[in-house]
Amino acid sequence: MKIDGNLRSIQSGQVSEGQGRNNKTGATTPQGGASSGPRVQLSPLGSQLAGIEASLANVPVVDSQRVDEIKQAISDGRFKVNPDVIADKLLETVRELIQSQRG
């Protein structure tokens, strides 16, 4: 999995002064809970993105079991480093970065 440095972290529940909070239906209400004023609703894609973000919040960043397996393989001397694979992956990453800068 590659991490794109262009993505920004969004903190849920963060509301600047003068903005309303989203309720469960996706509509925004002014601060203080009043329901007067214009309504704003998320598009289906926005709602789907919010759901995906919520489900990803529960996924661990690191696969601890895989890390332990690699540690054990290193300790046992079974872990082999393949410099050709590392070089190929590094070049692939550089190509992707260059393409993303052009696009």
N, C-alpha and C. Protein backbone atom coordinates (compact mmCIF):
# COMPACT_ATOMS: atom_id res chain seq x y z
N MET A 1 0.85 -1.17 0.00
CA MET A 1 0.00 0.00 0.00
C MET A 1 0.89 1.23 0.00
N LYS A 2 0.62 2.14 -0.88
CA LYS A 2 1.37 3.38 -0.96
C LYS A 2 0.59 4.47 -0.22
N ILE A 3 1.32 5.38 0.36
CA ILE A 3 0.69 6.48 1.07
C ILE A 3 0.94 7.74 0.27
N ASP A 4 -0.11 8.43 -0.10
CA ASP A 4 -0.01 9.65 -0.87
C ASP A 4 0.14 10.83 0.08
N GLY A 5 1.24 11.55 -0.04
CA GLY A 5 1.50 12.67 0.84
C GLY A 5 0.57 13.85 0.60
N ASN A 6 -0.23 13.78 -0.50
CA ASN A 6 -1.13 14.89 -0.80
C ASN A 6 -2.43 14.81 -0.01
N LEU A 7 -2.69 13.66 0.62
CA LEU A 7 -3.93 13.52 1.38
C LEU A 7 -3.80 14.25 2.70
N ARG A 8 -4.87 14.87 3.12
CA ARG A 8 -4.89 15.57 4.40
C ARG A 8 -5.76 14.79 5.36
N SER A 9 -5.37 14.79 6.60
CA SER A 9 -6.15 14.11 7.63
C SER A 9 -7.34 15.00 8.00
N ILE A 10 -8.48 14.36 8.15
CA ILE A 10 -9.69 15.09 8.53
C ILE A 10 -10.09 14.60 9.90
N GLN A 11 -10.22 15.53 10.82
CA GLN A 11 -10.65 15.17 12.16
C GLN A 11 -12.15 15.31 12.22
N SER A 12 -12.83 14.19 12.50
CA SER A 12 -14.28 14.26 12.55
C SER A 12 -14.71 15.03 13.79
N GLY A 13 -15.80 15.72 13.65
CA GLY A 13 -16.32 16.48 14.78
C GLY A 13 -15.71 17.85 14.91
N GLN A 14 -14.73 18.18 14.08
CA GLN A 14 -14.09 19.49 14.18
C GLN A 14 -14.96 20.50 13.42
N VAL A 15 -15.38 21.52 14.11
CA VAL A 15 -16.26 22.53 13.52
C VAL A 15 -15.70 23.89 13.86
N SER A 16 -15.52 24.74 12.82
CA SER A 16 -15.04 26.09 13.12
C SER A 16 -16.19 26.96 13.55
N GLU A 17 -15.84 28.07 14.15
CA GLU A 17 -16.84 28.99 14.66
C GLU A 17 -17.76 29.42 13.54
N GLY A 18 -19.06 29.40 13.78
CA GLY A 18 -20.03 29.82 12.79
C GLY A 18 -20.54 28.68 11.93
N GLN A 19 -19.91 27.51 11.98
CA GLN A 19 -20.38 26.38 11.20
C GLN A 19 -21.26 25.51 12.06
N GLY A 20 -22.15 24.76 11.42
CA GLY A 20 -22.97 23.82 12.14
C GLY A 20 -22.33 22.45 12.16
N ARG A 21 -22.93 21.55 12.91
CA ARG A 21 -22.48 20.16 12.95
C ARG A 21 -23.40 19.32 12.09
N ASN A 22 -22.84 18.26 11.50
CA ASN A 22 -23.65 17.33 10.71
C ASN A 22 -24.41 16.41 11.64
N ASN A 23 -25.69 16.21 11.34
CA ASN A 23 -26.43 15.22 12.11
C ASN A 23 -26.37 13.90 11.35
N LYS A 24 -27.06 12.87 11.84
CA LYS A 24 -26.95 11.54 11.25
C LYS A 24 -27.47 11.47 9.82
N THR A 25 -28.33 12.36 9.41
CA THR A 25 -28.86 12.32 8.05
C THR A 25 -27.96 13.05 7.07
N GLY A 26 -26.91 13.67 7.53
CA GLY A 26 -26.02 14.40 6.64
C GLY A 26 -26.39 15.86 6.53
N ALA A 27 -27.50 16.27 7.13
CA ALA A 27 -27.89 17.67 7.07
C ALA A 27 -27.11 18.46 8.11
N THR A 28 -26.85 19.70 7.79
CA THR A 28 -26.10 20.55 8.71
C THR A 28 -27.06 21.49 9.38
N THR A 29 -26.95 21.61 10.69
CA THR A 29 -27.78 22.55 11.43
C THR A 29 -26.90 23.59 12.06
N PRO A 30 -27.37 24.79 12.22
CA PRO A 30 -26.55 25.83 12.84
C PRO A 30 -26.22 25.47 14.27
N GLN A 31 -25.19 26.13 14.80
CA GLN A 31 -24.82 25.88 16.19
C GLN A 31 -25.99 26.27 17.08
N GLY A 32 -26.11 25.56 18.16
CA GLY A 32 -27.21 25.81 19.08
C GLY A 32 -28.37 24.87 18.81
N GLY A 33 -28.29 24.07 17.72
CA GLY A 33 -29.30 23.05 17.47
C GLY A 33 -30.54 23.56 16.75
N ALA A 34 -30.64 24.85 16.45
CA ALA A 34 -31.82 25.36 15.75
C ALA A 34 -31.83 24.79 14.33
N SER A 35 -33.04 24.54 13.80
CA SER A 35 -33.13 23.94 12.47
C SER A 35 -33.57 24.95 11.41
N SER A 36 -33.44 26.25 11.69
CA SER A 36 -33.80 27.24 10.70
C SER A 36 -32.61 27.51 9.79
N GLY A 37 -32.87 28.06 8.61
CA GLY A 37 -31.79 28.37 7.69
C GLY A 37 -31.66 27.30 6.62
N PRO A 38 -30.72 27.48 5.71
CA PRO A 38 -30.57 26.53 4.60
C PRO A 38 -30.08 25.17 5.10
N ARG A 39 -30.54 24.12 4.39
CA ARG A 39 -30.11 22.76 4.71
C ARG A 39 -29.03 22.35 3.72
N VAL A 40 -28.06 21.63 4.21
CA VAL A 40 -27.00 21.11 3.37
C VAL A 40 -26.98 19.60 3.55
N GLN A 41 -26.98 18.87 2.44
CA GLN A 41 -26.94 17.42 2.51
C GLN A 41 -25.73 16.91 1.74
N LEU A 42 -25.13 15.84 2.26
CA LEU A 42 -24.03 15.20 1.57
C LEU A 42 -24.54 14.42 0.38
N SER A 43 -23.76 14.39 -0.69
CA SER A 43 -24.13 13.56 -1.83
C SER A 43 -23.97 12.10 -1.42
N PRO A 44 -24.53 11.18 -2.18
CA PRO A 44 -24.34 9.76 -1.84
C PRO A 44 -22.85 9.39 -1.79
N LEU A 45 -22.05 9.97 -2.67
CA LEU A 45 -20.62 9.69 -2.66
C LEU A 45 -19.97 10.22 -1.39
N GLY A 46 -20.39 11.39 -0.93
CA GLY A 46 -19.87 11.96 0.30
C GLY A 46 -20.24 11.10 1.50
N SER A 47 -21.47 10.61 1.52
CA SER A 47 -21.90 9.72 2.60
C SER A 47 -21.12 8.42 2.57
N GLN A 48 -20.87 7.90 1.37
CA GLN A 48 -20.10 6.66 1.23
C GLN A 48 -18.67 6.88 1.73
N LEU A 49 -18.09 8.01 1.37
CA LEU A 49 -16.73 8.34 1.81
C LEU A 49 -16.66 8.44 3.34
N ALA A 50 -17.67 9.05 3.94
CA ALA A 50 -17.71 9.17 5.40
C ALA A 50 -17.78 7.78 6.04
N GLY A 51 -18.55 6.89 5.44
CA GLY A 51 -18.65 5.52 5.96
C GLY A 51 -17.33 4.77 5.84
N ILE A 52 -16.67 4.94 4.71
CA ILE A 52 -15.36 4.29 4.51
C ILE A 52 -14.35 4.83 5.51
N GLU A 53 -14.36 6.14 5.70
CA GLU A 53 -13.44 6.75 6.68
C GLU A 53 -13.68 6.19 8.08
N ALA A 54 -14.94 6.03 8.44
CA ALA A 54 -15.26 5.50 9.77
C ALA A 54 -14.80 4.06 9.91
N SER A 55 -14.96 3.26 8.86
CA SER A 55 -14.53 1.86 8.94
C SER A 55 -13.01 1.75 8.95
N LEU A 56 -12.31 2.64 8.25
CA LEU A 56 -10.85 2.61 8.25
C LEU A 56 -10.26 3.05 9.58
N ALA A 57 -11.02 3.79 10.36
CA ALA A 57 -10.53 4.24 11.66
C ALA A 57 -10.31 3.05 12.59
N ASN A 58 -10.98 1.92 12.31
CA ASN A 58 -10.85 0.74 13.16
C ASN A 58 -9.80 -0.24 12.67
N VAL A 59 -9.18 0.04 11.51
CA VAL A 59 -8.18 -0.86 10.94
C VAL A 59 -6.81 -0.46 11.48
N PRO A 60 -6.06 -1.42 12.02
CA PRO A 60 -4.74 -1.07 12.54
C PRO A 60 -3.80 -0.66 11.41
N VAL A 61 -2.90 0.26 11.70
CA VAL A 61 -1.97 0.76 10.70
C VAL A 61 -0.92 -0.29 10.38
N VAL A 62 -0.56 -1.08 11.37
CA VAL A 62 0.49 -2.09 11.22
C VAL A 62 -0.10 -3.46 11.49
N ASP A 63 0.27 -4.44 10.64
CA ASP A 63 -0.12 -5.82 10.85
C ASP A 63 0.88 -6.44 11.81
N SER A 64 0.54 -6.44 13.09
CA SER A 64 1.45 -6.91 14.15
C SER A 64 1.87 -8.35 13.95
N GLN A 65 0.96 -9.19 13.48
CA GLN A 65 1.29 -10.60 13.26
C GLN A 65 2.37 -10.73 12.19
N ARG A 66 2.24 -9.96 11.11
CA ARG A 66 3.24 -10.01 10.03
C ARG A 66 4.58 -9.49 10.52
N VAL A 67 4.58 -8.44 11.32
CA VAL A 67 5.81 -7.89 11.88
C VAL A 67 6.51 -8.94 12.74
N ASP A 68 5.74 -9.65 13.57
CA ASP A 68 6.31 -10.70 14.41
C ASP A 68 6.90 -11.83 13.58
N GLU A 69 6.21 -12.20 12.48
CA GLU A 69 6.73 -13.25 11.60
C GLU A 69 8.07 -12.84 10.99
N ILE A 70 8.16 -11.60 10.55
CA ILE A 70 9.41 -11.11 9.95
C ILE A 70 10.52 -11.04 10.99
N LYS A 71 10.19 -10.58 12.19
CA LYS A 71 11.19 -10.55 13.27
C LYS A 71 11.73 -11.94 13.55
N GLN A 72 10.82 -12.91 13.61
CA GLN A 72 11.24 -14.28 13.88
C GLN A 72 12.10 -14.82 12.74
N ALA A 73 11.74 -14.53 11.51
CA ALA A 73 12.54 -14.98 10.36
C ALA A 73 13.93 -14.36 10.37
N ILE A 74 14.04 -13.10 10.77
CA ILE A 74 15.34 -12.45 10.88
C ILE A 74 16.16 -13.11 11.98
N SER A 75 15.53 -13.36 13.11
CA SER A 75 16.22 -14.01 14.24
C SER A 75 16.72 -15.40 13.87
N ASP A 76 15.90 -16.14 13.10
CA ASP A 76 16.25 -17.50 12.70
C ASP A 76 17.21 -17.55 11.52
N GLY A 77 17.46 -16.39 10.90
CA GLY A 77 18.34 -16.37 9.72
C GLY A 77 17.64 -16.82 8.45
N ARG A 78 16.32 -16.89 8.46
CA ARG A 78 15.55 -17.32 7.27
C ARG A 78 15.16 -16.15 6.38
N PHE A 79 15.29 -14.94 6.86
CA PHE A 79 14.86 -13.77 6.10
C PHE A 79 15.92 -13.43 5.06
N LYS A 80 15.54 -13.48 3.80
CA LYS A 80 16.46 -13.19 2.71
C LYS A 80 16.08 -11.85 2.08
N VAL A 81 17.07 -11.02 1.88
CA VAL A 81 16.87 -9.72 1.23
C VAL A 81 17.19 -9.90 -0.24
N ASN A 82 16.24 -9.52 -1.09
CA ASN A 82 16.45 -9.61 -2.53
C ASN A 82 16.63 -8.20 -3.06
N PRO A 83 17.88 -7.78 -3.31
CA PRO A 83 18.13 -6.40 -3.73
C PRO A 83 17.47 -6.04 -5.06
N ASP A 84 17.28 -7.02 -5.95
CA ASP A 84 16.62 -6.74 -7.22
C ASP A 84 15.16 -6.35 -7.02
N VAL A 85 14.47 -7.03 -6.12
CA VAL A 85 13.07 -6.71 -5.84
C VAL A 85 12.98 -5.34 -5.18
N ILE A 86 13.89 -5.06 -4.25
CA ILE A 86 13.89 -3.75 -3.58
C ILE A 86 14.12 -2.64 -4.60
N ALA A 87 15.08 -2.82 -5.50
CA ALA A 87 15.37 -1.81 -6.52
C ALA A 87 14.18 -1.61 -7.44
N ASP A 88 13.54 -2.71 -7.86
CA ASP A 88 12.36 -2.60 -8.73
C ASP A 88 11.23 -1.84 -8.06
N LYS A 89 10.96 -2.14 -6.79
CA LYS A 89 9.88 -1.46 -6.07
C LYS A 89 10.21 0.01 -5.85
N LEU A 90 11.48 0.31 -5.58
CA LEU A 90 11.90 1.69 -5.40
C LEU A 90 11.70 2.48 -6.70
N LEU A 91 12.11 1.90 -7.82
CA LEU A 91 11.93 2.56 -9.12
C LEU A 91 10.44 2.75 -9.44
N GLU A 92 9.64 1.75 -9.12
CA GLU A 92 8.19 1.86 -9.34
C GLU A 92 7.60 3.01 -8.54
N THR A 93 8.02 3.13 -7.29
CA THR A 93 7.54 4.21 -6.44
C THR A 93 7.96 5.57 -6.99
N VAL A 94 9.20 5.68 -7.45
CA VAL A 94 9.69 6.95 -8.01
C VAL A 94 8.89 7.30 -9.26
N ARG A 95 8.62 6.31 -10.12
CA ARG A 95 7.81 6.57 -11.33
C ARG A 95 6.42 7.08 -10.97
N GLU A 96 5.81 6.46 -9.96
CA GLU A 96 4.47 6.89 -9.53
C GLU A 96 4.51 8.31 -8.98
N LEU A 97 5.54 8.63 -8.22
CA LEU A 97 5.67 9.99 -7.69
C LEU A 97 5.84 11.02 -8.80
N ILE A 98 6.66 10.68 -9.80
CA ILE A 98 6.88 11.60 -10.93
C ILE A 98 5.59 11.80 -11.70
N GLN A 99 4.85 10.72 -11.94
CA GLN A 99 3.57 10.81 -12.66
C GLN A 99 2.55 11.64 -11.88
N SER A 100 2.53 11.48 -10.56
CA SER A 100 1.57 12.24 -9.77
C SER A 100 1.92 13.72 -9.76
N GLN A 101 3.19 14.07 -9.87
CA GLN A 101 3.61 15.48 -9.92
C GLN A 101 3.23 16.10 -11.27
N ARG A 102 3.23 15.31 -12.33
CA ARG A 102 2.88 15.82 -13.66
C ARG A 102 1.37 15.98 -13.81
N GLY A 103 0.62 15.05 -13.19
CA GLY A 103 -0.83 15.00 -13.37
C GLY A 103 -1.52 15.98 -12.55
